[in-house]
Amino acid sequence: MRETARRPRVMPDVTEAIASDIFSGRYPAGSSLPTENDLGIEYGVSRTVIREALKVLAAKGLVLSRPRVGTVVCDQDNWNIIDPQVLAWHVPHALDDKLFDAILETRRAIEPLVAELAATRATLQEIADLEVAWQGMAGAGEDLTQFSRSDIVFHQIVYGASHNPIFRQIGKLIDTALLFSLEATATISPVRRREAAAAHGEVVEALRMRDAVAARNAANKILDLAARDLVSAKKLKNN
């Protein structure tokens, strides 16, 4: 009973701690984690808590339990990197440039079509909500948090307005990835944020006019600006 009462508070912390040790390179891909007993001693919890934490990590592709071998760290290609928790755990250990590039490539493949569909399918309420999110971006000024949050909400609405259940699910999956990429580029300059807000405004207008071609073009413009800002962010990080 005591273990059950503790698990909601303790298990997520232990899961994150083990994940952090994997992302930091303490336990590299292909290496074996310590035994459940040793992990329990290290983190000050029972084997039951460790076992539950490892189950979570296994479900997210970080580890694999093998008979007579123990728990092995999986190759990075197996990590469910678009899982919001995995991405959040990864961030303190610095997302690499390849991941940011992959996020942008994924958006390029999907978002222009999503915007095109939204132009013909969005409800009046969705268009109104989209304008509110856009106004949050345009009026953010120096408030980077408001700008990023409004940007996230904007994209959530566009994905939802496609009225395609698969795109809606994809939109939810990449929310966290999009947030981190936005935070990496949002500090570039106020001028570039205003340019981004203006491009998002073009999406709002395209949806209001039910212009699918204009919506696709505006989405591509947003992605072109994102690509430019990502290049600048990489230069700042590497200098």
C-alpha atoms as a PDB file:
ATOM      1  CA  MET A   1       0.000   0.000   0.000  1.00  0.00           C
ATOM      2  CA  ARG A   2       2.816   2.399   0.856  1.00  0.00           C
ATOM      3  CA  GLU A   3       4.461   1.670  -2.497  1.00  0.00           C
ATOM      4  CA  THR A   4       1.231   2.386  -4.383  1.00  0.00           C
ATOM      5  CA  ALA A   5       0.835   5.691  -2.588  1.00  0.00           C
ATOM      6  CA  ARG A   6       4.385   6.773  -3.408  1.00  0.00           C
ATOM      7  CA  ARG A   7       4.501   5.760  -7.063  1.00  0.00           C
ATOM      8  CA  PRO A   8       2.685   8.750  -8.654  1.00  0.00           C
ATOM      9  CA  ARG A   9       5.170  11.117  -7.045  1.00  0.00           C
ATOM     10  CA  VAL A  10       8.367   9.078  -7.160  1.00  0.00           C
ATOM     11  CA  MET A  11       8.193   7.022 -10.350  1.00  0.00           C
ATOM     12  CA  PRO A  12       8.091   9.920 -12.846  1.00  0.00           C
ATOM     13  CA  ASP A  13      11.085  11.542 -11.153  1.00  0.00           C
ATOM     14  CA  VAL A  14      13.091   8.327 -11.306  1.00  0.00           C
ATOM     15  CA  THR A  15      12.065   7.759 -14.927  1.00  0.00           C
ATOM     16  CA  GLU A  16      13.259  11.244 -15.864  1.00  0.00           C
ATOM     17  CA  ALA A  17      16.512  10.768 -13.932  1.00  0.00           C
ATOM     18  CA  ILE A  18      17.355   7.533 -15.752  1.00  0.00           C
ATOM     19  CA  ALA A  19      16.398   9.102 -19.096  1.00  0.00           C
ATOM     20  CA  SER A  20      18.654  12.044 -18.278  1.00  0.00           C
ATOM     21  CA  ASP A  21      21.557   9.672 -17.650  1.00  0.00           C
ATOM     22  CA  ILE A  22      20.930   8.103 -21.060  1.00  0.00           C
ATOM     23  CA  PHE A  23      20.744  11.432 -22.893  1.00  0.00           C
ATOM     24  CA  SER A  24      23.833  12.754 -21.128  1.00  0.00           C
ATOM     25  CA  GLY A  25      25.847   9.771 -22.345  1.00  0.00           C
ATOM     26  CA  ARG A  26      26.367   8.225 -18.941  1.00  0.00           C
ATOM     27  CA  TYR A  27      24.684   5.137 -20.360  1.00  0.00           C
ATOM     28  CA  PRO A  28      25.480   5.148 -24.103  1.00  0.00           C
ATOM     29  CA  ALA A  29      23.613   3.149 -26.729  1.00  0.00           C
ATOM     30  CA  GLY A  30      24.346  -0.557 -26.458  1.00  0.00           C
ATOM     31  CA  SER A  31      25.418  -0.386 -22.830  1.00  0.00           C
ATOM     32  CA  SER A  32      23.624  -2.186 -20.025  1.00  0.00           C
ATOM     33  CA  LEU A  33      21.976  -0.316 -17.202  1.00  0.00           C
ATOM     34  CA  PRO A  34      22.819  -1.312 -13.630  1.00  0.00           C
ATOM     35  CA  THR A  35      20.614  -3.987 -12.110  1.00  0.00           C
ATOM     36  CA  GLU A  36      17.256  -3.062 -10.648  1.00  0.00           C
ATOM     37  CA  ASN A  37      18.726  -3.495  -7.176  1.00  0.00           C
ATOM     38  CA  ASP A  38      21.628  -1.147  -7.934  1.00  0.00           C
ATOM     39  CA  LEU A  39      19.373   1.437  -9.551  1.00  0.00           C
ATOM     40  CA  GLY A  40      17.063   1.242  -6.541  1.00  0.00           C
ATOM     41  CA  ILE A  41      19.967   1.912  -4.196  1.00  0.00           C
ATOM     42  CA  GLU A  42      21.227   4.806  -6.346  1.00  0.00           C
ATOM     43  CA  TYR A  43      17.864   6.558  -6.523  1.00  0.00           C
ATOM     44  CA  GLY A  44      16.663   5.538  -3.066  1.00  0.00           C
ATOM     45  CA  VAL A  45      13.542   3.720  -4.236  1.00  0.00           C
ATOM     46  CA  SER A  46      12.261   0.162  -4.355  1.00  0.00           C
ATOM     47  CA  ARG A  47      12.756  -2.335  -7.177  1.00  0.00           C
ATOM     48  CA  THR A  48       9.040  -1.950  -7.942  1.00  0.00           C
ATOM     49  CA  VAL A  49       9.497   1.745  -8.693  1.00  0.00           C
ATOM     50  CA  ILE A  50      12.581   1.017 -10.836  1.00  0.00           C
ATOM     51  CA  ARG A  51      10.724  -1.705 -12.707  1.00  0.00           C
ATOM     52  CA  GLU A  52       7.828   0.662 -13.483  1.00  0.00           C
ATOM     53  CA  ALA A  53      10.238   3.386 -14.608  1.00  0.00           C
ATOM     54  CA  LEU A  54      12.008   0.974 -16.952  1.00  0.00           C
ATOM     55  CA  LYS A  55       8.673  -0.065 -18.436  1.00  0.00           C
ATOM     56  CA  VAL A  56       7.971   3.563 -19.313  1.00  0.00           C
ATOM     57  CA  LEU A  57      11.416   3.985 -20.866  1.00  0.00           C
ATOM     58  CA  ALA A  58      10.986   0.765 -22.839  1.00  0.00           C
ATOM     59  CA  ALA A  59       7.625   1.950 -24.187  1.00  0.00           C
ATOM     60  CA  LYS A  60       9.352   5.103 -25.435  1.00  0.00           C
ATOM     61  CA  GLY A  61      12.086   3.135 -27.181  1.00  0.00           C
ATOM     62  CA  LEU A  62      14.949   4.161 -24.876  1.00  0.00           C
ATOM     63  CA  VAL A  63      15.719   0.758 -23.375  1.00  0.00           C
ATOM     64  CA  LEU A  64      15.130  -2.904 -24.066  1.00  0.00           C
ATOM     65  CA  SER A  65      15.083  -5.739 -21.544  1.00  0.00           C
ATOM     66  CA  ARG A  66      16.884  -8.897 -22.652  1.00  0.00           C
ATOM     67  CA  PRO A  67      16.878 -12.278 -20.887  1.00  0.00           C
ATOM     68  CA  ARG A  68      20.189 -13.047 -19.152  1.00  0.00           C
ATOM     69  CA  VAL A  69      21.549  -9.683 -20.339  1.00  0.00           C
ATOM     70  CA  GLY A  70      19.486  -7.133 -18.450  1.00  0.00           C
ATOM     71  CA  THR A  71      18.262  -3.753 -19.611  1.00  0.00           C
ATOM     72  CA  VAL A  72      20.155  -2.348 -22.599  1.00  0.00           C
ATOM     73  CA  VAL A  73      20.100   1.224 -23.900  1.00  0.00           C
ATOM     74  CA  CYS A  74      18.649   1.324 -27.416  1.00  0.00           C
ATOM     75  CA  ASP A  75      20.198   3.054 -30.382  1.00  0.00           C
ATOM     76  CA  GLN A  76      19.060   6.644 -30.813  1.00  0.00           C
ATOM     77  CA  ASP A  77      17.181   5.754 -33.991  1.00  0.00           C
ATOM     78  CA  ASN A  78      14.765   3.743 -31.846  1.00  0.00           C
ATOM     79  CA  TRP A  79      13.948   6.589 -29.463  1.00  0.00           C
ATOM     80  CA  ASN A  80      10.433   7.948 -29.810  1.00  0.00           C
ATOM     81  CA  ILE A  81      11.791  11.456 -30.157  1.00  0.00           C
ATOM     82  CA  ILE A  82       8.444  13.043 -31.028  1.00  0.00           C
ATOM     83  CA  ASP A  83       7.036  11.861 -27.714  1.00  0.00           C
ATOM     84  CA  PRO A  84       6.619  15.091 -25.709  1.00  0.00           C
ATOM     85  CA  GLN A  85       8.198  13.581 -22.597  1.00  0.00           C
ATOM     86  CA  VAL A  86      11.202  12.215 -24.467  1.00  0.00           C
ATOM     87  CA  LEU A  87      11.778  15.543 -26.160  1.00  0.00           C
ATOM     88  CA  ALA A  88      11.439  17.431 -22.868  1.00  0.00           C
ATOM     89  CA  TRP A  89      13.901  15.073 -21.187  1.00  0.00           C
ATOM     90  CA  HIS A  90      16.286  15.507 -24.104  1.00  0.00           C
ATOM     91  CA  VAL A  91      16.335  19.320 -24.057  1.00  0.00           C
ATOM     92  CA  PRO A  92      18.651  19.922 -21.076  1.00  0.00           C
ATOM     93  CA  HIS A  93      21.283  17.881 -22.901  1.00  0.00           C
ATOM     94  CA  ALA A  94      21.067  20.057 -26.019  1.00  0.00           C
ATOM     95  CA  LEU A  95      19.038  19.037 -29.023  1.00  0.00           C
ATOM     96  CA  ASP A  96      21.427  18.639 -31.916  1.00  0.00           C
ATOM     97  CA  ASP A  97      21.187  20.467 -35.215  1.00  0.00           C
ATOM     98  CA  LYS A  98      20.082  17.331 -37.043  1.00  0.00           C
ATOM     99  CA  LEU A  99      16.961  17.099 -34.913  1.00  0.00           C
ATOM    100  CA  PHE A 100      16.022  20.713 -35.558  1.00  0.00           C
ATOM    101  CA  ASP A 101      16.559  20.077 -39.283  1.00  0.00           C
ATOM    102  CA  ALA A 102      14.334  17.004 -39.075  1.00  0.00           C
ATOM    103  CA  ILE A 103      11.579  18.987 -37.375  1.00  0.00           C
ATOM    104  CA  LEU A 104      11.707  21.595 -40.136  1.00  0.00           C
ATOM    105  CA  GLU A 105      11.687  18.930 -42.866  1.00  0.00           C
ATOM    106  CA  THR A 106       8.630  17.332 -41.296  1.00  0.00           C
ATOM    107  CA  ARG A 107       6.823  20.659 -41.159  1.00  0.00           C
ATOM    108  CA  ARG A 108       7.691  21.365 -44.809  1.00  0.00           C
ATOM    109  CA  ALA A 109       6.195  18.042 -45.822  1.00  0.00           C
ATOM    110  CA  ILE A 110       2.953  18.525 -43.918  1.00  0.00           C
ATOM    111  CA  GLU A 111       2.022  22.099 -43.073  1.00  0.00           C
ATOM    112  CA  PRO A 112       1.442  23.531 -46.575  1.00  0.00           C
ATOM    113  CA  LEU A 113      -1.124  20.797 -47.271  1.00  0.00           C
ATOM    114  CA  VAL A 114      -2.664  21.246 -43.820  1.00  0.00           C
ATOM    115  CA  ALA A 115      -3.059  24.986 -44.464  1.00  0.00           C
ATOM    116  CA  GLU A 116      -4.569  24.289 -47.897  1.00  0.00           C
ATOM    117  CA  LEU A 117      -7.141  21.930 -46.412  1.00  0.00           C
ATOM    118  CA  ALA A 118      -7.899  24.350 -43.589  1.00  0.00           C
ATOM    119  CA  ALA A 119      -8.684  27.077 -46.117  1.00  0.00           C
ATOM    120  CA  THR A 120     -11.612  25.039 -47.425  1.00  0.00           C
ATOM    121  CA  ARG A 121     -12.673  23.288 -44.218  1.00  0.00           C
ATOM    122  CA  ALA A 122     -12.169  25.680 -41.289  1.00  0.00           C
ATOM    123  CA  THR A 123     -15.268  26.766 -39.421  1.00  0.00           C
ATOM    124  CA  LEU A 124     -15.933  30.426 -38.759  1.00  0.00           C
ATOM    125  CA  GLN A 125     -15.096  29.829 -35.093  1.00  0.00           C
ATOM    126  CA  GLU A 126     -11.756  28.251 -35.997  1.00  0.00           C
ATOM    127  CA  ILE A 127     -10.894  31.215 -38.196  1.00  0.00           C
ATOM    128  CA  ALA A 128     -11.829  33.577 -35.370  1.00  0.00           C
ATOM    129  CA  ASP A 129      -9.690  31.588 -32.922  1.00  0.00           C
ATOM    130  CA  LEU A 130      -6.819  31.622 -35.405  1.00  0.00           C
ATOM    131  CA  GLU A 131      -6.997  35.398 -35.619  1.00  0.00           C
ATOM    132  CA  VAL A 132      -6.854  35.655 -31.819  1.00  0.00           C
ATOM    133  CA  ALA A 133      -3.714  33.493 -31.789  1.00  0.00           C
ATOM    134  CA  TRP A 134      -2.190  35.607 -34.554  1.00  0.00           C
ATOM    135  CA  GLN A 135      -2.967  38.781 -32.626  1.00  0.00           C
ATOM    136  CA  GLY A 136      -1.186  37.227 -29.648  1.00  0.00           C
ATOM    137  CA  MET A 137       1.924  36.877 -31.809  1.00  0.00           C
ATOM    138  CA  ALA A 138       1.631  40.323 -33.377  1.00  0.00           C
ATOM    139  CA  GLY A 139       1.116  41.985 -30.007  1.00  0.00           C
ATOM    140  CA  ALA A 140       3.760  40.060 -28.070  1.00  0.00           C
ATOM    141  CA  GLY A 141       6.429  42.741 -28.407  1.00  0.00           C
ATOM    142  CA  GLU A 142       9.471  41.645 -26.399  1.00  0.00           C
ATOM    143  CA  ASP A 143       7.550  38.896 -24.599  1.00  0.00           C
ATOM    144  CA  LEU A 144       9.110  35.790 -26.145  1.00  0.00           C
ATOM    145  CA  THR A 145       6.963  33.460 -24.045  1.00  0.00           C
ATOM    146  CA  GLN A 146       3.735  35.000 -25.314  1.00  0.00           C
ATOM    147  CA  PHE A 147       5.036  34.953 -28.877  1.00  0.00           C
ATOM    148  CA  SER A 148       5.980  31.256 -28.740  1.00  0.00           C
ATOM    149  CA  ARG A 149       2.804  30.185 -26.965  1.00  0.00           C
ATOM    150  CA  SER A 150       0.622  32.098 -29.410  1.00  0.00           C
ATOM    151  CA  ASP A 151       2.569  30.557 -32.288  1.00  0.00           C
ATOM    152  CA  ILE A 152       1.982  27.055 -30.896  1.00  0.00           C
ATOM    153  CA  VAL A 153      -1.747  27.717 -30.470  1.00  0.00           C
ATOM    154  CA  PHE A 154      -1.859  29.095 -34.023  1.00  0.00           C
ATOM    155  CA  HIS A 155      -0.445  25.893 -35.476  1.00  0.00           C
ATOM    156  CA  GLN A 156      -2.692  23.733 -33.293  1.00  0.00           C
ATOM    157  CA  ILE A 157      -5.723  25.523 -34.702  1.00  0.00           C
ATOM    158  CA  VAL A 158      -4.532  25.190 -38.305  1.00  0.00           C
ATOM    159  CA  TYR A 159      -3.919  21.461 -37.873  1.00  0.00           C
ATOM    160  CA  GLY A 160      -7.333  21.064 -36.274  1.00  0.00           C
ATOM    161  CA  ALA A 161      -9.001  23.146 -38.982  1.00  0.00           C
ATOM    162  CA  SER A 162      -7.822  20.661 -41.605  1.00  0.00           C
ATOM    163  CA  HIS A 163     -10.520  18.362 -40.175  1.00  0.00           C
ATOM    164  CA  ASN A 164      -8.273  15.427 -40.970  1.00  0.00           C
ATOM    165  CA  PRO A 165      -8.029  13.213 -37.866  1.00  0.00           C
ATOM    166  CA  ILE A 166      -4.555  11.965 -38.790  1.00  0.00           C
ATOM    167  CA  PHE A 167      -3.173  15.467 -39.294  1.00  0.00           C
ATOM    168  CA  ARG A 168      -4.764  16.468 -36.005  1.00  0.00           C
ATOM    169  CA  GLN A 169      -2.890  13.679 -34.264  1.00  0.00           C
ATOM    170  CA  ILE A 170       0.357  14.604 -35.996  1.00  0.00           C
ATOM    171  CA  GLY A 171      -0.167  18.194 -34.904  1.00  0.00           C
ATOM    172  CA  LYS A 172      -0.431  17.097 -31.286  1.00  0.00           C
ATOM    173  CA  LEU A 173       2.684  14.958 -31.613  1.00  0.00           C
ATOM    174  CA  ILE A 174       4.860  17.731 -32.993  1.00  0.00           C
ATOM    175  CA  ASP A 175       3.631  20.461 -30.635  1.00  0.00           C
ATOM    176  CA  THR A 176       6.525  19.936 -28.248  1.00  0.00           C
ATOM    177  CA  ALA A 177       9.050  19.644 -31.060  1.00  0.00           C
ATOM    178  CA  LEU A 178       7.703  22.843 -32.581  1.00  0.00           C
ATOM    179  CA  LEU A 179       7.888  24.633 -29.234  1.00  0.00           C
ATOM    180  CA  PHE A 180      11.571  23.878 -28.790  1.00  0.00           C
ATOM    181  CA  SER A 181      12.421  24.857 -32.354  1.00  0.00           C
ATOM    182  CA  LEU A 182      10.508  28.114 -31.916  1.00  0.00           C
ATOM    183  CA  GLU A 183      12.297  28.869 -28.659  1.00  0.00           C
ATOM    184  CA  ALA A 184      15.625  28.241 -30.366  1.00  0.00           C
ATOM    185  CA  THR A 185      14.877  30.802 -33.069  1.00  0.00           C
ATOM    186  CA  ALA A 186      12.579  33.318 -31.345  1.00  0.00           C
ATOM    187  CA  THR A 187      15.464  35.298 -29.877  1.00  0.00           C
ATOM    188  CA  ILE A 188      16.946  36.139 -33.284  1.00  0.00           C
ATOM    189  CA  SER A 189      15.498  39.679 -33.498  1.00  0.00           C
ATOM    190  CA  PRO A 190      12.240  41.628 -33.015  1.00  0.00           C
ATOM    191  CA  VAL A 191      12.268  42.439 -36.740  1.00  0.00           C
ATOM    192  CA  ARG A 192      12.240  38.771 -37.679  1.00  0.00           C
ATOM    193  CA  ARG A 193       9.484  38.036 -35.196  1.00  0.00           C
ATOM    194  CA  ARG A 194       7.399  40.751 -36.822  1.00  0.00           C
ATOM    195  CA  GLU A 195       8.081  39.190 -40.223  1.00  0.00           C
ATOM    196  CA  ALA A 196       6.934  35.823 -38.877  1.00  0.00           C
ATOM    197  CA  ALA A 197       3.789  37.367 -37.408  1.00  0.00           C
ATOM    198  CA  ALA A 198       3.018  39.033 -40.744  1.00  0.00           C
ATOM    199  CA  ALA A 199       3.372  35.711 -42.577  1.00  0.00           C
ATOM    200  CA  HIS A 200       1.018  34.072 -40.080  1.00  0.00           C
ATOM    201  CA  GLY A 201      -1.422  36.903 -40.737  1.00  0.00           C
ATOM    202  CA  GLU A 202      -1.393  35.930 -44.401  1.00  0.00           C
ATOM    203  CA  VAL A 203      -2.590  32.444 -43.389  1.00  0.00           C
ATOM    204  CA  VAL A 204      -5.469  33.979 -41.441  1.00  0.00           C
ATOM    205  CA  GLU A 205      -6.470  36.087 -44.446  1.00  0.00           C
ATOM    206  CA  ALA A 206      -6.213  33.103 -46.790  1.00  0.00           C
ATOM    207  CA  LEU A 207      -8.529  31.063 -44.579  1.00  0.00           C
ATOM    208  CA  ARG A 208     -10.953  33.967 -44.308  1.00  0.00           C
ATOM    209  CA  MET A 209     -11.037  34.236 -48.118  1.00  0.00           C
ATOM    210  CA  ARG A 210     -11.179  30.426 -48.536  1.00  0.00           C
ATOM    211  CA  ASP A 211      -8.121  30.673 -50.782  1.00  0.00           C
ATOM    212  CA  ALA A 212      -6.345  27.304 -50.638  1.00  0.00           C
ATOM    213  CA  VAL A 213      -3.481  28.374 -52.918  1.00  0.00           C
ATOM    214  CA  ALA A 214      -2.789  31.485 -50.857  1.00  0.00           C
ATOM    215  CA  ALA A 215      -2.889  29.388 -47.661  1.00  0.00           C
ATOM    216  CA  ARG A 216      -0.312  26.966 -49.036  1.00  0.00           C
ATOM    217  CA  ASN A 217       1.913  29.833 -50.190  1.00  0.00           C
ATOM    218  CA  ALA A 218       1.661  31.558 -46.810  1.00  0.00           C
ATOM    219  CA  ALA A 219       2.549  28.326 -45.013  1.00  0.00           C
ATOM    220  CA  ASN A 220       5.595  27.919 -47.237  1.00  0.00           C
ATOM    221  CA  LYS A 221       6.589  31.506 -46.474  1.00  0.00           C
ATOM    222  CA  ILE A 222       6.420  30.788 -42.742  1.00  0.00           C
ATOM    223  CA  LEU A 223       8.634  27.749 -43.228  1.00  0.00           C
ATOM    224  CA  ASP A 224      11.125  29.714 -45.335  1.00  0.00           C
ATOM    225  CA  LEU A 225      11.415  32.258 -42.530  1.00  0.00           C
ATOM    226  CA  ALA A 226      11.815  29.447 -39.998  1.00  0.00           C
ATOM    227  CA  ALA A 227      14.609  27.918 -42.079  1.00  0.00           C
ATOM    228  CA  ARG A 228      16.401  31.258 -42.277  1.00  0.00           C
ATOM    229  CA  ASP A 229      16.102  31.808 -38.531  1.00  0.00           C
ATOM    230  CA  LEU A 230      17.289  28.278 -37.825  1.00  0.00           C
ATOM    231  CA  VAL A 231      20.484  28.938 -39.787  1.00  0.00           C
ATOM    232  CA  SER A 232      21.041  32.100 -37.742  1.00  0.00           C
ATOM    233  CA  ALA A 233      20.363  30.268 -34.475  1.00  0.00           C
ATOM    234  CA  LYS A 234      22.920  27.602 -35.372  1.00  0.00           C
ATOM    235  CA  LYS A 235      25.534  30.276 -36.083  1.00  0.00           C
ATOM    236  CA  LEU A 236      24.881  31.947 -32.731  1.00  0.00           C
ATOM    237  CA  LYS A 237      25.109  28.625 -30.912  1.00  0.00           C
ATOM    238  CA  ASN A 238      28.382  27.667 -32.586  1.00  0.00           C
ATOM    239  CA  ASN A 239      30.091  31.037 -32.091  1.00  0.00           C
END
